[in-house]
Amino acid sequence: MFMPTTEQEKAEAIELAFDYRGDVTLGLASGERIVGFLFNRHASGEHLSIEFFPEDNPFPRTIPYASIISIAFTGEDTANGKSWEAWASKKESERRAEAARVEEDARMRGLL
């Protein structure tokens, strides 16, 4: 669990948590620990905060930066290794398999 010592470290950790596509665990100043998905942050202005989907609640929660004392990347990053190239390759493979299935079906029906 990372415990930032400066506001700059906290802001950087929140940016990393925002870019992460898995669950994070937040330690709050109140002593509460919550696990969930950080889906938005308000990193400028007077009231710095994050928007967070707790894993045990279907409603998002707004949490002020000032309340966050620690951040841990505890869930699997669901997009890890899923680049555009991997997605495009998978779709091309699926398209070819479907074309082969349709061709085989047409041959069995005597259409080709």
Protein backbone atom coordinates (compact mmCIF):
# COMPACT_ATOMS: atom_id res chain seq x y z
CA MET A 1 0.00 0.00 0.00
CA PHE A 2 1.47 3.34 -1.10
CA MET A 3 1.24 6.16 1.42
CA PRO A 4 2.03 9.45 -0.33
CA THR A 5 3.96 11.97 1.76
CA THR A 6 3.26 15.05 -0.39
CA GLU A 7 0.28 16.37 -2.30
CA GLN A 8 2.27 15.92 -5.53
CA GLU A 9 2.83 12.22 -4.75
CA LYS A 10 -0.86 11.84 -3.94
CA ALA A 11 -1.89 13.50 -7.22
CA GLU A 12 0.50 11.24 -9.18
CA ALA A 13 -0.77 8.13 -7.41
CA ILE A 14 -4.37 9.11 -8.15
CA GLU A 15 -3.51 9.60 -11.83
CA LEU A 16 -1.93 6.13 -11.91
CA ALA A 17 -4.99 4.68 -10.17
CA PHE A 18 -7.25 6.42 -12.71
CA ASP A 19 -5.30 4.91 -15.61
CA TYR A 20 -5.33 1.47 -13.97
CA ARG A 21 -8.24 -0.69 -15.16
CA GLY A 22 -8.54 -2.80 -12.06
CA ASP A 23 -9.72 -2.28 -8.53
CA VAL A 24 -7.75 -0.22 -6.07
CA THR A 25 -7.91 -0.15 -2.29
CA LEU A 26 -8.05 3.26 -0.67
CA GLY A 27 -7.15 3.97 2.92
CA LEU A 28 -9.07 6.99 4.17
CA ALA A 29 -8.27 9.40 6.99
CA SER A 30 -11.35 8.09 8.83
CA GLY A 31 -9.70 4.66 9.08
CA GLU A 32 -12.03 3.19 6.45
CA ARG A 33 -10.60 0.97 3.71
CA ILE A 34 -12.61 0.71 0.52
CA VAL A 35 -12.03 -1.40 -2.56
CA GLY A 36 -13.39 -0.43 -5.94
CA PHE A 37 -12.86 1.22 -9.30
CA LEU A 38 -11.68 4.82 -9.65
CA PHE A 39 -13.54 6.06 -12.74
CA ASN A 40 -13.09 9.84 -12.61
CA ARG A 41 -11.10 12.50 -10.86
CA HIS A 42 -11.34 16.26 -10.46
CA ALA A 43 -7.69 17.25 -10.26
CA SER A 44 -8.04 21.01 -10.48
CA GLY A 45 -10.02 23.68 -8.79
CA GLU A 46 -10.89 24.22 -5.16
CA HIS A 47 -12.37 20.82 -4.34
CA LEU A 48 -10.08 18.05 -5.55
CA SER A 49 -11.89 14.72 -5.53
CA ILE A 50 -12.28 11.34 -7.14
CA GLU A 51 -15.36 9.42 -8.20
CA PHE A 52 -15.22 5.82 -7.11
CA PHE A 53 -17.41 2.71 -7.53
CA PRO A 54 -17.04 0.69 -4.30
CA GLU A 55 -17.17 -3.07 -4.93
CA ASP A 56 -19.91 -3.48 -2.31
CA ASN A 57 -22.20 -0.68 -3.48
CA PRO A 58 -23.78 -0.02 -6.91
CA PHE A 59 -23.69 3.76 -6.38
CA PRO A 60 -20.60 5.88 -7.00
CA ARG A 61 -18.97 7.74 -4.20
CA THR A 62 -17.16 11.10 -4.30
CA ILE A 63 -14.05 11.16 -2.14
CA PRO A 64 -11.97 14.30 -1.50
CA TYR A 65 -8.24 14.01 -2.19
CA ALA A 66 -7.64 15.22 1.38
CA SER A 67 -9.36 12.08 2.75
CA ILE A 68 -7.07 9.66 0.89
CA ILE A 69 -4.04 8.53 2.88
CA SER A 70 -3.06 5.38 0.97
CA ILE A 71 -3.62 3.67 -2.38
CA ALA A 72 -2.97 0.05 -3.36
CA PHE A 73 -3.45 -1.54 -6.78
CA THR A 74 -5.20 -4.67 -5.56
CA GLY A 75 -7.29 -5.87 -8.51
CA GLU A 76 -6.20 -7.29 -11.82
CA ASP A 77 -5.82 -4.70 -14.58
CA THR A 78 -8.50 -6.05 -16.92
CA ALA A 79 -6.92 -4.39 -19.95
CA ASN A 80 -3.39 -5.64 -19.35
CA GLY A 81 -2.00 -7.00 -22.61
CA LYS A 82 -5.11 -6.06 -24.56
CA SER A 83 -3.68 -3.67 -27.10
CA TRP A 84 -5.43 -2.52 -30.25
CA GLU A 85 -3.28 -4.92 -32.26
CA ALA A 86 -4.35 -7.88 -30.12
CA TRP A 87 -8.01 -6.89 -30.47
CA ALA A 88 -7.73 -6.43 -34.25
CA SER A 89 -5.94 -9.78 -34.62
CA LYS A 90 -8.63 -11.53 -32.59
CA LYS A 91 -11.42 -9.97 -34.68
CA GLU A 92 -9.68 -10.96 -37.93
CA SER A 93 -9.32 -14.52 -36.65
CA GLU A 94 -13.01 -14.62 -35.70
CA ARG A 95 -13.97 -13.24 -39.15
CA ARG A 96 -11.91 -15.92 -40.91
CA ALA A 97 -13.41 -18.69 -38.75
CA GLU A 98 -16.94 -17.46 -39.53
CA ALA A 99 -16.15 -17.29 -43.27
CA ALA A 100 -14.80 -20.87 -43.17
CA ARG A 101 -17.92 -22.04 -41.31
CA VAL A 102 -20.23 -20.37 -43.86
CA GLU A 103 -18.22 -21.85 -46.75
CA GLU A 104 -18.36 -25.34 -45.25
CA ASP A 105 -22.11 -25.01 -44.69
CA ALA A 106 -22.58 -23.92 -48.34
CA ARG A 107 -20.50 -26.90 -49.57
CA MET A 108 -22.56 -29.34 -47.48
CA ARG A 109 -25.72 -27.93 -49.05
CA GLY A 110 -24.25 -28.32 -52.51
CA LEU A 111 -24.25 -24.59 -53.17
CA LEU A 112 -20.50 -24.48 -53.92
